[in-house]
Amino acid sequence: MSDTLRKLFVCRLLAPVLLLFGSGLASAELLQAMPKAFAQSVLELTVPIESSGHLVLFSPVREVNNEIRSETMARLPVSGEGRLYQISRDANRREAREHYLRLLEDRGAQLLFECSGVRCGRSNVWANQVFGQSVLYGRDATQDYLVAGGIAEDGSRWLTSVYTVTRGNLREYVWVEHLQVAAGAAVPGLGTVNNRIVGPVVVPWHGGVTYQFDWRATDRRKINELARREGATVVLVGYSALGANESFKDSINRARKATESLSEILAKTGVSRQQQELLVVGPSVVIADPAREGDRVEVMVITR
């Protein structure tokens, strides 16, 4: 790996704002479609949104003297709609949230901000001041919010926000906003991450002499498709959790063997060794993200 490429990757690795999904350009048709509803929910309300200054938050919310405060927020010129869903009693809002996360991942969306529970702020502020939907007022400890964005091949930009909450009566709701942002408007975090770097795809592993990798078929296809682009480099970063009675060197060696094993699998599926770069960090890099912990290989694709 060249010094320039290594510096680019390390900056990407340690940046406080990281891609949850690939950020490759998607077709406008894919991004403009309203995310498919969670199957175990009922649509209660659809609200058209046409605004020259629609409020979108990219950090937790608070209210000071009846005014909304947030470290990162924007009033954007947008067009789209919001939809309110009630979740069936035999399902739950976490399942709904995972449903929308998977859809956004498949679209190649970039996660711009997410929060859970009291870290999001007061539910009544989200419900009444941000979304204007009083039915979303629930328990501060049982709420989630995320906002993701994507840039289409035609240059159009799209934002999707998803808020889930459990009310005091234990009924659960999802509010989804899907918006096209007018040209020229600055969207915090969208487009500031180098679009040449796609990933990471997090691949947990376990084993010793042989290794097993937990990843989805869609992830494998995505990596292989991106690797076919001219000049693409596939970077495999090996991590390991330091065992209670394990030396740092042994932990590094475990990560190295697992990373080399995944490299062999990729080579057999069409990603040549010549376009692969392996970087083993073992337990030496800690990322404050529950989804990026433990024994794993993170795969990124750097395109030209």
Protein backbone atom coordinates (compact mmCIF):
# COMPACT_ATOMS: atom_id res chain seq x y z
CA MET A 1 0.00 0.00 0.00
CA SER A 2 1.44 3.40 -0.96
CA ASP A 3 2.01 6.05 1.73
CA THR A 4 -0.70 8.23 0.22
CA LEU A 5 -3.21 5.39 0.17
CA ARG A 6 -2.28 4.34 3.71
CA LYS A 7 -2.75 7.89 5.03
CA LEU A 8 -6.07 8.17 3.24
CA PHE A 9 -7.22 4.89 4.73
CA VAL A 10 -6.06 5.64 8.29
CA CYS A 11 -7.82 9.02 8.21
CA ARG A 12 -10.93 7.20 7.02
CA LEU A 13 -10.54 4.57 9.74
CA LEU A 14 -10.29 7.02 12.61
CA ALA A 15 -12.68 9.72 11.42
CA PRO A 16 -15.45 10.47 13.95
CA VAL A 17 -18.09 10.30 11.27
CA LEU A 18 -17.94 6.95 9.50
CA LEU A 19 -19.94 5.38 6.73
CA LEU A 20 -22.21 2.62 7.85
CA PHE A 21 -22.92 1.63 4.28
CA GLY A 22 -21.31 2.00 0.90
CA SER A 23 -21.45 5.54 -0.49
CA GLY A 24 -21.21 4.72 -4.17
CA LEU A 25 -23.52 6.66 -6.46
CA ALA A 26 -26.92 5.03 -6.96
CA SER A 27 -29.50 5.48 -9.68
CA ALA A 28 -31.97 8.29 -9.19
CA GLU A 29 -34.85 5.81 -9.47
CA LEU A 30 -33.50 3.80 -6.54
CA LEU A 31 -32.99 6.79 -4.26
CA GLN A 32 -36.19 8.67 -5.08
CA ALA A 33 -38.50 5.81 -4.13
CA MET A 34 -40.07 6.04 -0.67
CA PRO A 35 -38.62 3.25 1.50
CA LYS A 36 -40.89 0.22 1.56
CA ALA A 37 -42.95 0.09 4.75
CA PHE A 38 -42.12 -2.32 7.55
CA ALA A 39 -44.41 -5.28 6.85
CA GLN A 40 -45.84 -5.46 10.37
CA SER A 41 -47.06 -1.89 10.47
CA VAL A 42 -50.11 0.07 9.34
CA LEU A 43 -49.95 3.39 7.52
CA GLU A 44 -51.92 5.99 9.48
CA LEU A 45 -50.95 9.28 7.86
CA THR A 46 -49.16 10.66 4.81
CA VAL A 47 -48.02 14.28 4.83
CA PRO A 48 -46.61 16.02 1.72
CA ILE A 49 -43.53 18.09 2.51
CA GLU A 50 -42.68 21.07 0.33
CA SER A 51 -40.56 23.62 2.11
CA SER A 52 -37.86 26.19 1.54
CA GLY A 53 -36.60 25.62 5.08
CA HIS A 54 -37.50 22.16 6.39
CA LEU A 55 -35.79 21.35 9.69
CA VAL A 56 -33.51 18.31 9.67
CA LEU A 57 -31.41 17.41 12.72
CA PHE A 58 -27.98 15.78 12.61
CA SER A 59 -27.37 15.73 16.38
CA PRO A 60 -29.44 15.36 19.57
CA VAL A 61 -32.20 17.86 20.19
CA ARG A 62 -32.95 20.08 23.16
CA GLU A 63 -35.33 22.94 23.82
CA VAL A 64 -34.22 26.22 25.37
CA ASN A 65 -36.78 28.98 25.99
CA ASN A 66 -39.19 27.28 23.59
CA GLU A 67 -36.58 27.20 20.85
CA ILE A 68 -35.07 24.10 19.29
CA ARG A 69 -31.35 23.74 19.83
CA SER A 70 -29.09 21.16 18.23
CA GLU A 71 -25.36 21.19 17.64
CA THR A 72 -25.83 20.30 13.96
CA MET A 73 -29.08 21.05 12.21
CA ALA A 74 -30.17 22.57 8.93
CA ARG A 75 -33.25 24.18 7.40
CA LEU A 76 -33.24 22.82 3.88
CA PRO A 77 -35.22 23.42 0.68
CA VAL A 78 -36.83 20.03 0.14
CA SER A 79 -39.72 18.20 -1.47
CA GLY A 80 -41.04 14.83 -0.40
CA GLU A 81 -43.33 13.37 2.21
CA GLY A 82 -43.61 12.04 5.73
CA ARG A 83 -45.43 8.87 6.70
CA LEU A 84 -46.69 7.76 10.08
CA TYR A 85 -46.97 4.03 10.78
CA GLN A 86 -48.30 2.19 13.79
CA ILE A 87 -46.41 -1.03 14.52
CA SER A 88 -48.39 -4.20 15.06
CA ARG A 89 -48.49 -5.60 18.58
CA ASP A 90 -46.75 -8.80 17.50
CA ALA A 91 -43.72 -6.80 16.30
CA ASN A 92 -41.59 -4.04 17.80
CA ARG A 93 -39.96 -0.79 16.83
CA ARG A 94 -36.43 -2.20 16.88
CA GLU A 95 -37.40 -4.66 14.17
CA ALA A 96 -38.87 -1.76 12.22
CA ARG A 97 -35.69 0.26 12.62
CA GLU A 98 -33.57 -2.65 11.38
CA HIS A 99 -35.88 -2.98 8.39
CA TYR A 100 -35.25 0.61 7.34
CA LEU A 101 -31.53 0.34 8.03
CA ARG A 102 -31.30 -2.66 5.68
CA LEU A 103 -33.20 -0.81 2.96
CA LEU A 104 -30.94 2.20 3.25
CA GLU A 105 -27.87 -0.03 3.20
CA ASP A 106 -29.06 -1.70 0.02
CA ARG A 107 -29.50 1.74 -1.54
CA GLY A 108 -25.91 2.66 -0.71
CA ALA A 109 -27.01 5.39 1.69
CA GLN A 110 -24.63 7.17 4.03
CA LEU A 111 -25.60 7.27 7.71
CA LEU A 112 -25.25 10.89 8.80
CA PHE A 113 -26.45 10.64 12.39
CA GLU A 114 -28.21 8.24 14.73
CA CYS A 115 -29.11 8.17 18.41
CA SER A 116 -31.05 6.03 20.88
CA GLY A 117 -32.93 6.63 24.11
CA VAL A 118 -32.28 9.66 26.26
CA ARG A 119 -29.21 10.53 24.17
CA CYS A 120 -31.60 11.77 21.47
CA GLY A 121 -33.10 14.41 23.75
CA ARG A 122 -36.71 14.82 24.82
CA SER A 123 -39.31 12.86 22.89
CA ASN A 124 -41.87 15.64 23.21
CA VAL A 125 -39.49 17.98 21.34
CA TRP A 126 -39.02 15.49 18.51
CA ALA A 127 -42.76 14.86 18.32
CA ASN A 128 -44.13 18.37 18.57
CA GLN A 129 -41.33 20.72 17.57
CA VAL A 130 -39.39 18.74 14.97
CA PHE A 131 -41.97 16.50 13.27
CA GLY A 132 -45.25 18.20 14.26
CA GLN A 133 -46.86 14.85 15.13
CA SER A 134 -48.10 14.74 18.73
CA VAL A 135 -48.79 11.00 18.52
CA LEU A 136 -45.00 10.47 18.48
CA TYR A 137 -44.66 11.77 22.03
CA GLY A 138 -43.44 8.82 24.03
CA ARG A 139 -40.85 7.73 26.52
CA ASP A 140 -37.44 9.37 26.27
CA ALA A 141 -35.75 6.04 27.02
CA THR A 142 -37.57 4.19 24.22
CA GLN A 143 -36.93 6.24 21.11
CA ASP A 144 -34.51 6.05 18.18
CA TYR A 145 -33.64 8.44 15.39
CA LEU A 146 -31.49 8.20 12.30
CA VAL A 147 -30.94 10.27 9.19
CA ALA A 148 -29.21 8.97 6.07
CA GLY A 149 -28.41 10.53 2.72
CA GLY A 150 -27.48 9.53 -0.78
CA ILE A 151 -26.28 11.15 -4.00
CA ALA A 152 -27.66 9.78 -7.25
CA GLU A 153 -25.79 9.43 -10.51
CA ASP A 154 -27.67 12.47 -11.84
CA GLY A 155 -26.43 14.56 -8.89
CA SER A 156 -29.74 14.66 -7.02
CA ARG A 157 -29.50 14.32 -3.25
CA TRP A 158 -31.91 12.49 -0.98
CA LEU A 159 -32.40 12.36 2.76
CA THR A 160 -34.33 9.76 4.73
CA SER A 161 -35.01 10.12 8.45
CA VAL A 162 -36.59 7.45 10.63
CA TYR A 163 -37.90 8.04 14.16
CA THR A 164 -39.34 5.23 16.29
CA VAL A 165 -40.93 5.57 19.70
CA THR A 166 -42.88 3.67 22.34
CA ARG A 167 -45.72 5.66 23.86
CA GLY A 168 -46.88 5.46 27.47
CA ASN A 169 -49.70 3.11 26.43
CA LEU A 170 -47.02 0.81 24.90
CA ARG A 171 -48.18 1.47 21.35
CA GLU A 172 -45.22 1.87 19.00
CA TYR A 173 -44.89 4.18 16.01
CA VAL A 174 -42.54 4.93 13.14
CA TRP A 175 -42.24 8.29 11.40
CA VAL A 176 -40.40 8.25 8.05
CA GLU A 177 -39.45 11.36 6.08
CA HIS A 178 -38.09 10.92 2.57
CA LEU A 179 -36.90 14.12 0.93
CA GLN A 180 -35.15 15.42 -2.14
CA VAL A 181 -32.85 18.32 -1.33
CA ALA A 182 -32.78 21.24 -3.77
CA ALA A 183 -29.56 21.84 -5.67
CA GLY A 184 -27.07 24.13 -3.96
CA ALA A 185 -28.18 23.52 -0.37
CA ALA A 186 -25.47 22.38 2.04
CA VAL A 187 -26.33 19.13 3.82
CA PRO A 188 -24.16 18.47 6.91
CA GLY A 189 -21.99 15.41 6.35
CA LEU A 190 -23.33 14.53 2.91
CA GLY A 191 -20.65 14.72 0.27
CA THR A 192 -17.92 15.64 2.76
CA VAL A 193 -16.75 12.03 3.03
CA ASN A 194 -14.55 10.91 0.19
CA ASN A 195 -16.91 9.15 -2.22
CA ARG A 196 -14.03 7.07 -3.53
CA ILE A 197 -14.03 5.06 -0.30
CA VAL A 198 -16.91 2.63 -0.02
CA GLY A 199 -17.58 0.79 3.24
CA PRO A 200 -16.84 -0.61 5.66
CA VAL A 201 -18.58 -3.92 5.26
CA VAL A 202 -18.14 -5.47 8.72
CA VAL A 203 -17.51 -9.24 8.58
CA PRO A 204 -17.42 -10.92 12.02
CA TRP A 205 -15.28 -14.06 12.19
CA HIS A 206 -14.70 -16.96 14.54
CA GLY A 207 -12.55 -20.05 14.50
CA GLY A 208 -8.93 -21.05 14.86
CA VAL A 209 -7.39 -23.41 12.33
CA THR A 210 -10.26 -22.68 9.96
CA TYR A 211 -12.40 -19.57 9.99
CA GLN A 212 -16.06 -18.86 9.51
CA PHE A 213 -17.32 -15.46 8.39
CA ASP A 214 -20.74 -14.01 9.11
CA TRP A 215 -21.73 -11.83 6.19
CA ARG A 216 -24.67 -11.49 3.89
CA ALA A 217 -24.85 -12.47 0.25
CA THR A 218 -25.70 -8.86 -0.61
CA ASP A 219 -22.44 -7.72 1.00
CA ARG A 220 -20.43 -10.24 -0.98
CA ARG A 221 -22.09 -9.17 -4.22
CA LYS A 222 -21.50 -5.51 -3.43
CA ILE A 223 -17.78 -6.02 -2.85
CA ASN A 224 -17.38 -8.09 -6.03
CA GLU A 225 -19.29 -5.54 -8.13
CA LEU A 226 -17.22 -2.63 -6.83
CA ALA A 227 -13.99 -4.58 -7.25
CA ARG A 228 -14.71 -4.90 -10.96
CA ARG A 229 -14.37 -1.16 -11.43
CA GLU A 230 -11.17 -0.13 -13.18
CA GLY A 231 -8.40 0.57 -10.71
CA ALA A 232 -10.40 -0.51 -7.63
CA THR A 233 -8.46 -1.53 -4.52
CA VAL A 234 -10.08 -3.78 -1.91
CA VAL A 235 -8.76 -3.10 1.59
CA LEU A 236 -9.19 -5.74 4.31
CA VAL A 237 -8.63 -4.55 7.87
CA GLY A 238 -8.29 -7.29 10.46
CA TYR A 239 -9.45 -6.73 14.05
CA SER A 240 -9.40 -8.97 17.11
CA ALA A 241 -10.63 -8.65 20.67
CA LEU A 242 -7.84 -9.05 23.22
CA GLY A 243 -8.56 -12.10 25.35
CA ALA A 244 -8.22 -11.99 29.12
CA ASN A 245 -5.13 -14.23 29.10
CA GLU A 246 -3.94 -13.42 25.59
CA SER A 247 -0.83 -11.48 24.61
CA PHE A 248 -1.04 -8.60 22.17
CA LYS A 249 1.14 -10.54 19.71
CA ASP A 250 -1.15 -13.58 19.81
CA SER A 251 -4.20 -11.40 19.25
CA ILE A 252 -2.53 -9.77 16.26
CA ASN A 253 -1.67 -13.18 14.84
CA ARG A 254 -5.26 -14.34 15.14
CA ALA A 255 -6.45 -11.27 13.27
CA ARG A 256 -3.80 -11.77 10.59
CA LYS A 257 -4.77 -15.39 9.93
CA ALA A 258 -8.47 -14.53 9.72
CA THR A 259 -7.81 -11.63 7.36
CA GLU A 260 -5.65 -13.82 5.12
CA SER A 261 -8.39 -16.46 5.12
CA LEU A 262 -11.00 -13.94 3.98
CA SER A 263 -8.55 -12.71 1.35
CA GLU A 264 -8.35 -16.24 -0.04
CA ILE A 265 -12.15 -16.45 -0.21
CA LEU A 266 -12.35 -13.14 -2.09
CA ALA A 267 -9.65 -14.31 -4.50
CA LYS A 268 -11.69 -17.43 -5.28
CA THR A 269 -14.79 -15.32 -5.99
CA GLY A 270 -13.05 -13.01 -8.45
CA VAL A 271 -11.29 -10.32 -6.39
CA SER A 272 -7.69 -10.84 -7.43
CA ARG A 273 -4.91 -10.75 -4.85
CA GLN A 274 -3.21 -8.04 -6.90
CA GLN A 275 -6.01 -5.61 -6.10
CA GLN A 276 -6.23 -6.50 -2.41
CA GLU A 277 -4.45 -4.70 0.42
CA LEU A 278 -4.38 -6.28 3.90
CA LEU A 279 -3.95 -4.22 7.05
CA VAL A 280 -3.93 -6.00 10.43
CA VAL A 281 -4.59 -3.86 13.52
CA GLY A 282 -5.82 -6.55 15.93
CA PRO A 283 -6.92 -4.98 19.23
CA SER A 284 -4.86 -1.80 18.74
CA VAL A 285 -7.70 0.30 17.31
CA VAL A 286 -10.91 0.70 19.34
CA ILE A 287 -14.01 2.17 17.67
CA ALA A 288 -16.89 3.41 19.81
CA ASP A 289 -19.59 1.66 17.81
CA PRO A 290 -21.35 -1.51 19.09
CA ALA A 291 -21.64 -2.75 15.50
CA ARG A 292 -17.86 -2.58 15.07
CA GLU A 293 -16.49 -4.57 17.97
CA GLY A 294 -14.85 -7.95 18.52
CA ASP A 295 -13.19 -10.31 16.05
CA ARG A 296 -13.96 -9.01 12.58
CA VAL A 297 -12.59 -7.99 9.21
CA GLU A 298 -13.74 -4.68 7.78
CA VAL A 299 -13.72 -4.50 4.01
CA MET A 300 -13.47 -1.24 2.08
CA VAL A 301 -13.22 -0.57 -1.64
CA ILE A 302 -11.26 2.42 -2.87
CA THR A 303 -12.21 3.39 -6.41
CA ARG A 304 -10.51 5.65 -8.90
